[in-house]
């Protein structure tokens, strides 16, 4: 290896552990996706500079493109909220539009799941452990105009939106 090749590789070799640490310590799935893609691209560049174009191509195709696509699909599923609605309750268009408006401010998709009955424990809270549905765990239950939310973090985010001030929906933590 010549000094020119070593000098060319050195910045990229120092960049890899920094990106790896950023990836590990990251809290946001979107930022993690960006760091993971950048890590794979940098590794592919190093492989190509070292004279391994087959490994570089594999890293680009599998390590960067395929994993990024799979992460995007997984992250999209993370931003869906399942709201339980009892079969006998009426979900009017106004309330449904209000919920879509509220959750769209947080970039969430809403999935309404009809159930026979929303199970509650003695204190009136929803029994989240025994209300699993086939398409994932529910995040909220709609009873009248009350939206019972499982996660205190989701509740705080909903209450901090600008939209909630104009709606007649009560957000309740259970």
N, C-alpha and C. Protein backbone atom coordinates (compact mmCIF):
# COMPACT_ATOMS: atom_id res chain seq x y z
N UNK A 1 0.82 -1.18 0.00
CA UNK A 1 0.00 0.00 0.00
C UNK A 1 0.87 1.25 0.00
N UNK A 2 0.53 2.18 -0.84
CA UNK A 2 1.32 3.40 -0.92
C UNK A 2 0.81 4.42 0.09
N UNK A 3 1.62 5.44 0.31
CA UNK A 3 1.23 6.50 1.24
C UNK A 3 -0.01 7.24 0.78
N UNK A 4 -0.20 7.35 -0.53
CA UNK A 4 -1.38 8.04 -1.06
C UNK A 4 -2.64 7.26 -0.72
N UNK A 5 -2.59 5.93 -0.85
CA UNK A 5 -3.76 5.12 -0.51
C UNK A 5 -4.07 5.19 0.98
N UNK A 6 -3.05 5.15 1.81
CA UNK A 6 -3.26 5.23 3.26
C UNK A 6 -3.85 6.58 3.62
N UNK A 7 -3.34 7.64 3.02
CA UNK A 7 -3.86 8.98 3.30
C UNK A 7 -5.29 9.12 2.80
N UNK A 8 -5.65 8.44 1.74
CA UNK A 8 -7.01 8.48 1.22
C UNK A 8 -7.97 7.73 2.13
N UNK A 9 -7.55 6.60 2.66
CA UNK A 9 -8.41 5.77 3.49
C UNK A 9 -8.58 6.28 4.92
N UNK A 10 -7.58 6.94 5.44
CA UNK A 10 -7.57 7.32 6.84
C UNK A 10 -8.80 8.11 7.30
N UNK A 11 -9.26 9.13 6.58
CA UNK A 11 -10.45 9.85 7.05
C UNK A 11 -11.69 8.96 7.11
N UNK A 12 -11.82 8.06 6.14
CA UNK A 12 -12.98 7.18 6.13
C UNK A 12 -12.91 6.14 7.24
N UNK A 13 -11.70 5.69 7.56
CA UNK A 13 -11.53 4.73 8.65
C UNK A 13 -11.85 5.37 10.00
N UNK A 14 -11.53 6.64 10.16
CA UNK A 14 -11.89 7.34 11.40
C UNK A 14 -13.38 7.64 11.46
N UNK A 15 -14.00 7.77 10.29
CA UNK A 15 -15.42 8.08 10.23
C UNK A 15 -16.30 6.91 10.64
N UNK A 16 -15.87 5.68 10.33
CA UNK A 16 -16.68 4.50 10.64
C UNK A 16 -17.02 4.35 12.11
N UNK A 17 -16.07 4.41 13.05
CA UNK A 17 -16.45 4.26 14.46
C UNK A 17 -17.31 5.42 14.97
N UNK A 18 -17.09 6.60 14.43
CA UNK A 18 -17.90 7.75 14.85
C UNK A 18 -19.35 7.54 14.43
N UNK A 19 -19.55 7.12 13.19
CA UNK A 19 -20.92 6.85 12.72
C UNK A 19 -21.53 5.69 13.50
N UNK A 20 -20.72 4.66 13.80
CA UNK A 20 -21.21 3.53 14.59
C UNK A 20 -21.67 3.95 15.98
N UNK A 21 -20.92 4.82 16.62
CA UNK A 21 -21.31 5.31 17.96
C UNK A 21 -22.58 6.14 17.86
N UNK A 22 -22.67 7.00 16.85
CA UNK A 22 -23.89 7.79 16.65
C UNK A 22 -25.10 6.89 16.42
N UNK A 23 -24.89 5.83 15.67
CA UNK A 23 -25.97 4.88 15.39
C UNK A 23 -26.44 4.18 16.66
N UNK A 24 -25.51 3.75 17.48
CA UNK A 24 -25.86 3.03 18.71
C UNK A 24 -26.54 3.94 19.73
N UNK A 25 -26.06 5.16 19.87
CA UNK A 25 -26.58 6.08 20.89
C UNK A 25 -27.81 6.85 20.44
N UNK A 26 -28.24 6.62 19.25
CA UNK A 26 -29.35 7.35 18.66
C UNK A 26 -30.69 6.92 19.25
N UNK A 27 -31.63 7.85 19.37
CA UNK A 27 -32.97 7.56 19.89
C UNK A 27 -34.03 7.52 18.79
N UNK A 28 -33.78 8.22 17.70
CA UNK A 28 -34.78 8.36 16.64
C UNK A 28 -34.60 7.28 15.58
N UNK A 29 -35.67 6.59 15.20
CA UNK A 29 -35.54 5.59 14.14
C UNK A 29 -35.18 6.20 12.78
N UNK A 30 -35.64 7.39 12.52
CA UNK A 30 -35.33 8.04 11.25
C UNK A 30 -33.84 8.39 11.18
N UNK A 31 -33.31 8.96 12.25
CA UNK A 31 -31.89 9.27 12.27
C UNK A 31 -31.05 7.99 12.22
N UNK A 32 -31.52 6.93 12.90
CA UNK A 32 -30.83 5.65 12.84
C UNK A 32 -30.77 5.11 11.43
N UNK A 33 -31.84 5.29 10.68
CA UNK A 33 -31.87 4.87 9.29
C UNK A 33 -30.84 5.63 8.47
N UNK A 34 -30.74 6.93 8.70
CA UNK A 34 -29.77 7.74 7.97
C UNK A 34 -28.34 7.33 8.34
N UNK A 35 -28.08 7.15 9.64
CA UNK A 35 -26.74 6.74 10.08
C UNK A 35 -26.38 5.37 9.52
N UNK A 36 -27.34 4.44 9.51
CA UNK A 36 -27.08 3.08 9.00
C UNK A 36 -26.76 3.12 7.52
N UNK A 37 -27.48 3.92 6.77
CA UNK A 37 -27.21 4.05 5.33
C UNK A 37 -25.84 4.67 5.09
N UNK A 38 -25.51 5.69 5.86
CA UNK A 38 -24.22 6.36 5.71
C UNK A 38 -23.08 5.42 6.10
N UNK A 39 -23.29 4.61 7.13
CA UNK A 39 -22.29 3.64 7.56
C UNK A 39 -22.01 2.61 6.46
N UNK A 40 -23.07 2.08 5.86
CA UNK A 40 -22.91 1.11 4.78
C UNK A 40 -22.24 1.71 3.55
N UNK A 41 -22.60 2.94 3.23
CA UNK A 41 -21.98 3.61 2.07
C UNK A 41 -20.50 3.87 2.30
N UNK A 42 -20.16 4.29 3.51
CA UNK A 42 -18.76 4.54 3.83
C UNK A 42 -17.95 3.25 3.80
N UNK A 43 -18.51 2.17 4.34
CA UNK A 43 -17.82 0.88 4.30
C UNK A 43 -17.64 0.41 2.85
N UNK A 44 -18.64 0.62 2.02
CA UNK A 44 -18.52 0.23 0.61
C UNK A 44 -17.44 1.04 -0.09
N UNK A 45 -17.32 2.32 0.25
CA UNK A 45 -16.27 3.14 -0.33
C UNK A 45 -14.88 2.64 0.07
N UNK A 46 -14.74 2.27 1.33
CA UNK A 46 -13.45 1.73 1.80
C UNK A 46 -13.13 0.42 1.09
N UNK A 47 -14.13 -0.46 0.94
CA UNK A 47 -13.89 -1.72 0.24
C UNK A 47 -13.45 -1.48 -1.20
N UNK A 48 -14.07 -0.53 -1.86
CA UNK A 48 -13.70 -0.27 -3.26
C UNK A 48 -12.31 0.34 -3.36
N UNK A 49 -11.95 1.20 -2.40
CA UNK A 49 -10.60 1.78 -2.42
C UNK A 49 -9.53 0.74 -2.10
N UNK A 50 -9.88 -0.29 -1.36
CA UNK A 50 -8.94 -1.36 -1.05
C UNK A 50 -8.84 -2.41 -2.16
N UNK A 51 -9.63 -2.24 -3.20
CA UNK A 51 -9.54 -3.16 -4.33
C UNK A 51 -10.45 -4.36 -4.23
N UNK A 52 -11.56 -4.23 -3.51
CA UNK A 52 -12.52 -5.33 -3.41
C UNK A 52 -13.88 -4.85 -3.93
N UNK A 53 -14.01 -4.68 -5.24
CA UNK A 53 -15.26 -4.15 -5.78
C UNK A 53 -16.45 -5.08 -5.59
N UNK A 54 -16.20 -6.40 -5.53
CA UNK A 54 -17.30 -7.34 -5.32
C UNK A 54 -17.89 -7.18 -3.92
N UNK A 55 -17.02 -7.02 -2.94
CA UNK A 55 -17.48 -6.82 -1.56
C UNK A 55 -18.18 -5.45 -1.44
N UNK A 56 -17.63 -4.44 -2.11
CA UNK A 56 -18.24 -3.11 -2.09
C UNK A 56 -19.63 -3.13 -2.70
N UNK A 57 -19.77 -3.82 -3.81
CA UNK A 57 -21.08 -3.91 -4.46
C UNK A 57 -22.08 -4.65 -3.59
N UNK A 58 -21.64 -5.73 -2.96
CA UNK A 58 -22.51 -6.47 -2.05
C UNK A 58 -22.93 -5.60 -0.87
N UNK A 59 -22.00 -4.84 -0.33
CA UNK A 59 -22.32 -3.95 0.80
C UNK A 59 -23.33 -2.89 0.38
N UNK A 60 -23.17 -2.34 -0.81
CA UNK A 60 -24.12 -1.33 -1.28
C UNK A 60 -25.50 -1.93 -1.48
N UNK A 61 -25.56 -3.08 -2.15
CA UNK A 61 -26.86 -3.67 -2.47
C UNK A 61 -27.56 -4.25 -1.25
N UNK A 62 -26.85 -5.02 -0.45
CA UNK A 62 -27.47 -5.68 0.69
C UNK A 62 -27.41 -4.82 1.94
N UNK A 63 -26.21 -4.36 2.27
CA UNK A 63 -26.02 -3.64 3.52
C UNK A 63 -26.65 -2.27 3.56
N UNK A 64 -26.74 -1.63 2.41
CA UNK A 64 -27.29 -0.28 2.41
C UNK A 64 -28.70 -0.25 1.83
N UNK A 65 -28.87 -0.68 0.61
CA UNK A 65 -30.18 -0.55 -0.04
C UNK A 65 -31.24 -1.46 0.56
N UNK A 66 -30.94 -2.74 0.68
CA UNK A 66 -31.95 -3.69 1.19
C UNK A 66 -32.29 -3.41 2.64
N UNK A 67 -31.27 -3.19 3.47
CA UNK A 67 -31.55 -2.94 4.89
C UNK A 67 -32.30 -1.61 5.06
N UNK A 68 -31.98 -0.61 4.24
CA UNK A 68 -32.69 0.66 4.32
C UNK A 68 -34.16 0.47 3.96
N UNK A 69 -34.42 -0.28 2.92
CA UNK A 69 -35.80 -0.55 2.52
C UNK A 69 -36.56 -1.28 3.63
N UNK A 70 -35.93 -2.29 4.24
CA UNK A 70 -36.59 -3.02 5.33
C UNK A 70 -36.82 -2.12 6.54
N UNK A 71 -35.85 -1.25 6.86
CA UNK A 71 -36.03 -0.32 7.97
C UNK A 71 -37.17 0.65 7.70
N UNK A 72 -37.30 1.11 6.46
CA UNK A 72 -38.39 2.03 6.12
C UNK A 72 -39.73 1.36 6.34
N UNK A 73 -39.85 0.11 5.93
CA UNK A 73 -41.09 -0.63 6.13
C UNK A 73 -41.37 -0.80 7.62
N UNK A 74 -40.35 -1.13 8.40
CA UNK A 74 -40.53 -1.31 9.84
C UNK A 74 -40.88 0.00 10.53
N UNK A 75 -40.22 1.08 10.14
CA UNK A 75 -40.49 2.38 10.77
C UNK A 75 -41.90 2.85 10.44
N UNK A 76 -42.35 2.60 9.21
CA UNK A 76 -43.70 2.99 8.84
C UNK A 76 -44.71 2.29 9.75
N UNK A 77 -44.46 1.03 10.11
CA UNK A 77 -45.35 0.32 11.01
C UNK A 77 -45.31 0.88 12.42
N UNK A 78 -44.20 1.48 12.80
CA UNK A 78 -44.10 2.08 14.13
C UNK A 78 -44.95 3.33 14.27
N UNK A 79 -45.27 3.96 13.17
CA UNK A 79 -46.04 5.19 13.21
C UNK A 79 -47.51 4.96 12.91
N UNK A 80 -48.01 3.80 13.27
CA UNK A 80 -49.43 3.51 13.19
C UNK A 80 -49.98 3.36 14.59
N UNK A 81 -51.14 3.91 14.81
CA UNK A 81 -51.80 3.83 16.11
C UNK A 81 -53.08 3.02 15.94
N UNK A 82 -53.22 1.97 16.73
CA UNK A 82 -54.42 1.15 16.69
C UNK A 82 -55.37 1.65 17.77
N UNK A 83 -56.57 2.05 17.35
CA UNK A 83 -57.58 2.55 18.28
C UNK A 83 -58.73 1.55 18.31
N UNK A 84 -59.03 1.05 19.50
CA UNK A 84 -60.14 0.12 19.66
C UNK A 84 -61.45 0.88 19.74
N UNK A 85 -62.44 0.37 19.03
CA UNK A 85 -63.79 0.94 19.06
C UNK A 85 -64.75 -0.23 19.24
N UNK A 86 -65.68 -0.10 20.19
CA UNK A 86 -66.65 -1.17 20.41
C UNK A 86 -67.61 -1.25 19.23
N UNK A 87 -68.06 -2.46 18.91
CA UNK A 87 -68.94 -2.69 17.77
C UNK A 87 -70.24 -1.90 17.88
N UNK A 88 -70.80 -1.80 19.08
CA UNK A 88 -72.10 -1.15 19.22
C UNK A 88 -71.99 0.38 19.30
N UNK A 89 -70.81 0.92 19.40
CA UNK A 89 -70.67 2.38 19.45
C UNK A 89 -70.65 2.95 18.03
N UNK A 90 -71.12 4.16 17.92
CA UNK A 90 -71.20 4.82 16.62
C UNK A 90 -70.03 5.79 16.50
N UNK A 91 -69.23 5.59 15.47
CA UNK A 91 -68.09 6.48 15.20
C UNK A 91 -68.52 7.42 14.08
N UNK A 92 -68.95 8.63 14.47
CA UNK A 92 -69.42 9.56 13.44
C UNK A 92 -68.25 10.15 12.67
N UNK A 93 -68.55 10.66 11.49
CA UNK A 93 -67.50 11.19 10.60
C UNK A 93 -66.76 12.37 11.22
N UNK A 94 -67.46 13.19 11.98
CA UNK A 94 -66.82 14.34 12.60
C UNK A 94 -65.75 13.91 13.60
N UNK A 95 -66.09 12.94 14.44
CA UNK A 95 -65.13 12.44 15.43
C UNK A 95 -63.96 11.73 14.74
N UNK A 96 -64.26 10.96 13.71
CA UNK A 96 -63.20 10.27 12.97
C UNK A 96 -62.26 11.28 12.30
N UNK A 97 -62.81 12.31 11.70
CA UNK A 97 -61.99 13.36 11.08
C UNK A 97 -61.15 14.09 12.12
N UNK A 98 -61.74 14.36 13.30
CA UNK A 98 -60.98 15.01 14.38
C UNK A 98 -59.79 14.16 14.81
N UNK A 99 -60.01 12.85 14.94
CA UNK A 99 -58.92 11.96 15.33
C UNK A 99 -57.83 11.91 14.26
N UNK A 100 -58.24 11.85 12.99
CA UNK A 100 -57.25 11.86 11.91
C UNK A 100 -56.46 13.16 11.92
N UNK A 101 -57.13 14.27 12.14
CA UNK A 101 -56.46 15.56 12.20
C UNK A 101 -55.48 15.63 13.37
N UNK A 102 -55.91 15.13 14.53
CA UNK A 102 -55.07 15.13 15.73
C UNK A 102 -53.81 14.28 15.53
N UNK A 103 -53.97 13.06 15.05
CA UNK A 103 -52.83 12.17 14.89
C UNK A 103 -51.96 12.53 13.69
N UNK A 104 -52.53 13.18 12.70
CA UNK A 104 -51.72 13.57 11.54
C UNK A 104 -50.71 14.66 11.92
N UNK A 105 -51.03 15.46 12.94
CA UNK A 105 -50.06 16.46 13.39
C UNK A 105 -48.81 15.79 13.95
N UNK A 106 -48.95 14.58 14.48
CA UNK A 106 -47.81 13.81 14.99
C UNK A 106 -47.27 12.82 13.95
N UNK A 107 -47.80 12.88 12.73
CA UNK A 107 -47.39 11.99 11.63
C UNK A 107 -47.69 10.52 11.91
N UNK A 108 -48.82 10.26 12.55
CA UNK A 108 -49.25 8.89 12.82
C UNK A 108 -50.39 8.52 11.87
N UNK A 109 -50.43 7.25 11.48
CA UNK A 109 -51.58 6.70 10.77
C UNK A 109 -52.50 6.08 11.81
N UNK A 110 -53.79 6.15 11.58
CA UNK A 110 -54.75 5.56 12.52
C UNK A 110 -55.34 4.31 11.89
N UNK A 111 -55.44 3.27 12.72
CA UNK A 111 -56.13 2.05 12.33
C UNK A 111 -57.22 1.83 13.38
N UNK A 112 -58.48 1.88 12.95
CA UNK A 112 -59.59 1.62 13.86
C UNK A 112 -59.87 0.12 13.86
N UNK A 113 -59.93 -0.46 15.04
CA UNK A 113 -60.19 -1.89 15.18
C UNK A 113 -61.48 -2.08 15.96
N UNK A 114 -62.46 -2.69 15.32
CA UNK A 114 -63.74 -2.96 15.96
C UNK A 114 -63.60 -4.19 16.86
N UNK A 115 -64.03 -4.08 18.10
CA UNK A 115 -64.02 -5.20 19.04
C UNK A 115 -65.40 -5.33 19.68
N UNK A 116 -65.70 -6.52 20.20
CA UNK A 116 -66.99 -6.73 20.84
C UNK A 116 -67.12 -5.84 22.08
N UNK A 117 -66.12 -5.93 22.93
CA UNK A 117 -66.14 -5.14 24.16
C UNK A 117 -64.71 -4.75 24.51
N UNK A 118 -64.56 -3.57 25.04
CA UNK A 118 -63.25 -3.12 25.52
C UNK A 118 -63.15 -3.54 26.97
N UNK A 119 -62.21 -4.44 27.25
CA UNK A 119 -62.08 -5.01 28.60
C UNK A 119 -61.47 -3.98 29.54
N UNK A 120 -62.08 -3.90 30.72
CA UNK A 120 -61.58 -2.97 31.73
C UNK A 120 -61.29 -3.73 33.02
N UNK A 121 -60.38 -3.16 33.81
CA UNK A 121 -60.10 -3.72 35.13
C UNK A 121 -60.93 -2.95 36.15
N UNK A 122 -60.85 -3.35 37.41
CA UNK A 122 -61.68 -2.78 38.45
C UNK A 122 -61.64 -1.27 38.58
N UNK A 123 -60.50 -0.64 38.31
CA UNK A 123 -60.38 0.81 38.48
C UNK A 123 -60.95 1.60 37.30
N UNK A 124 -61.49 0.91 36.30
CA UNK A 124 -62.05 1.60 35.14
C UNK A 124 -61.06 1.78 34.01
N UNK A 125 -59.80 1.40 34.25
CA UNK A 125 -58.80 1.50 33.19
C UNK A 125 -58.93 0.32 32.24
N UNK A 126 -58.48 0.51 31.02
CA UNK A 126 -58.54 -0.55 30.02
C UNK A 126 -57.50 -1.62 30.38
N UNK A 127 -57.92 -2.87 30.26
CA UNK A 127 -57.02 -4.00 30.50
C UNK A 127 -56.22 -4.27 29.23
N UNK A 128 -55.13 -3.51 29.05
CA UNK A 128 -54.35 -3.58 27.81
C UNK A 128 -53.71 -4.94 27.60
N UNK A 129 -53.37 -5.65 28.67
CA UNK A 129 -52.70 -6.94 28.53
C UNK A 129 -53.60 -7.99 27.90
N UNK A 130 -54.89 -7.86 28.07
CA UNK A 130 -55.82 -8.86 27.54
C UNK A 130 -56.66 -8.33 26.38
N UNK A 131 -56.22 -7.25 25.76
CA UNK A 131 -56.97 -6.71 24.63
C UNK A 131 -56.17 -6.76 23.34
N UNK A 132 -55.25 -7.70 23.24
CA UNK A 132 -54.48 -7.83 22.00
C UNK A 132 -55.40 -8.21 20.86
N UNK A 133 -55.14 -7.63 19.72
CA UNK A 133 -55.89 -7.95 18.52
C UNK A 133 -54.91 -8.54 17.51
N UNK A 134 -55.43 -9.13 16.46
CA UNK A 134 -54.57 -9.86 15.52
C UNK A 134 -53.56 -8.97 14.81
N UNK A 135 -53.89 -7.70 14.59
CA UNK A 135 -52.97 -6.85 13.83
C UNK A 135 -52.14 -5.95 14.74
N UNK A 136 -51.80 -6.40 15.94
CA UNK A 136 -50.92 -5.65 16.81
C UNK A 136 -51.58 -5.25 18.11
N UNK A 137 -50.80 -4.75 19.01
CA UNK A 137 -51.31 -4.31 20.29
C UNK A 137 -51.98 -2.95 20.14
N UNK A 138 -53.12 -2.77 20.77
CA UNK A 138 -53.79 -1.46 20.68
C UNK A 138 -53.04 -0.40 21.46
N UNK A 139 -53.16 0.83 21.02
CA UNK A 139 -52.52 1.95 21.68
C UNK A 139 -53.52 2.86 22.37
N UNK A 140 -54.78 2.77 21.95
CA UNK A 140 -55.80 3.64 22.52
C UNK A 140 -57.15 2.97 22.33
N UNK A 141 -58.12 3.42 23.13
CA UNK A 141 -59.49 2.94 23.02
C UNK A 141 -60.40 4.16 23.01
N UNK A 142 -61.40 4.13 22.15
CA UNK A 142 -62.33 5.25 22.03
C UNK A 142 -63.66 4.85 22.65
N UNK A 143 -64.04 5.55 23.70
CA UNK A 143 -65.33 5.32 24.35
C UNK A 143 -66.02 6.68 24.41
N UNK A 144 -67.03 6.85 23.56
CA UNK A 144 -67.68 8.15 23.44
C UNK A 144 -66.70 9.15 22.85
N UNK A 145 -66.51 10.27 23.56
CA UNK A 145 -65.51 11.27 23.15
C UNK A 145 -64.24 11.15 23.96
N UNK A 146 -64.13 10.09 24.74
CA UNK A 146 -62.93 9.86 25.56
C UNK A 146 -61.97 8.94 24.81
N UNK A 147 -60.75 9.40 24.66
CA UNK A 147 -59.71 8.59 24.04
C UNK A 147 -58.80 8.12 25.16
N UNK A 148 -58.90 6.85 25.52
CA UNK A 148 -58.09 6.28 26.59
C UNK A 148 -56.79 5.80 25.96
N UNK A 149 -55.68 6.40 26.37
CA UNK A 149 -54.39 6.15 25.75
C UNK A 149 -53.55 5.29 26.68
N UNK A 150 -52.91 4.27 26.11
CA UNK A 150 -52.09 3.35 26.91
C UNK A 150 -50.79 4.01 27.38
N UNK A 151 -50.13 4.74 26.51
CA UNK A 151 -48.80 5.28 26.81
C UNK A 151 -48.88 6.71 27.34
N UNK A 152 -48.24 6.97 28.48
CA UNK A 152 -48.21 8.35 28.98
C UNK A 152 -47.44 9.28 28.03
N UNK A 153 -46.46 8.75 27.32
CA UNK A 153 -45.69 9.58 26.39
C UNK A 153 -46.58 9.99 25.21
N UNK A 154 -47.35 9.04 24.68
CA UNK A 154 -48.26 9.36 23.59
C UNK A 154 -49.31 10.37 24.06
N UNK A 155 -49.80 10.19 25.28
CA UNK A 155 -50.79 11.13 25.83
C UNK A 155 -50.21 12.54 25.90
N UNK A 156 -48.99 12.67 26.39
CA UNK A 156 -48.36 14.00 26.50
C UNK A 156 -48.15 14.61 25.12
N UNK A 157 -47.75 13.80 24.15
CA UNK A 157 -47.57 14.32 22.79
C UNK A 157 -48.89 14.78 22.19
N UNK A 158 -49.96 14.02 22.44
CA UNK A 158 -51.27 14.42 21.93
C UNK A 158 -51.74 15.72 22.59
N UNK A 159 -51.52 15.84 23.89
CA UNK A 159 -51.95 17.05 24.60
C UNK A 159 -51.12 18.28 24.21
N UNK A 160 -49.92 18.06 23.68
CA UNK A 160 -49.07 19.20 23.30
C UNK A 160 -49.33 19.67 21.87
N UNK A 161 -50.22 19.01 21.14
CA UNK A 161 -50.50 19.43 19.77
C UNK A 161 -51.35 20.69 19.75
N UNK A 162 -51.29 21.42 18.67
CA UNK A 162 -52.13 22.61 18.49
C UNK A 162 -53.57 22.22 18.19
N UNK A 163 -53.75 21.06 17.61
CA UNK A 163 -55.08 20.61 17.17
C UNK A 163 -55.99 20.29 18.35
N UNK A 164 -55.45 19.77 19.43
CA UNK A 164 -56.27 19.30 20.55
C UNK A 164 -57.08 20.43 21.18
N UNK A 165 -56.57 21.66 21.09
CA UNK A 165 -57.27 22.80 21.69
C UNK A 165 -58.61 23.08 21.04
N UNK A 166 -58.75 22.70 19.77
CA UNK A 166 -59.98 22.97 19.02
C UNK A 166 -60.92 21.78 18.94
N UNK A 167 -60.57 20.67 19.58
CA UNK A 167 -61.37 19.46 19.47
C UNK A 167 -62.10 19.17 20.79
N UNK A 168 -63.14 18.38 20.68
CA UNK A 168 -63.92 17.99 21.88
C UNK A 168 -63.59 16.58 22.30
N UNK A 169 -62.31 16.19 22.15
CA UNK A 169 -61.87 14.85 22.53
C UNK A 169 -61.14 14.95 23.85
N UNK A 170 -61.51 14.09 24.81
CA UNK A 170 -60.82 14.03 26.09
C UNK A 170 -59.75 12.95 26.02
N UNK A 171 -58.49 13.32 26.28
CA UNK A 171 -57.39 12.35 26.26
C UNK A 171 -57.17 11.91 27.71
N UNK A 172 -57.32 10.60 27.93
CA UNK A 172 -57.21 10.06 29.28
C UNK A 172 -56.12 9.00 29.30
N UNK A 173 -55.22 9.09 30.28
CA UNK A 173 -54.17 8.09 30.42
C UNK A 173 -54.69 6.94 31.27
N UNK A 174 -54.50 5.70 30.79
CA UNK A 174 -54.98 4.56 31.57
C UNK A 174 -53.86 3.65 31.96
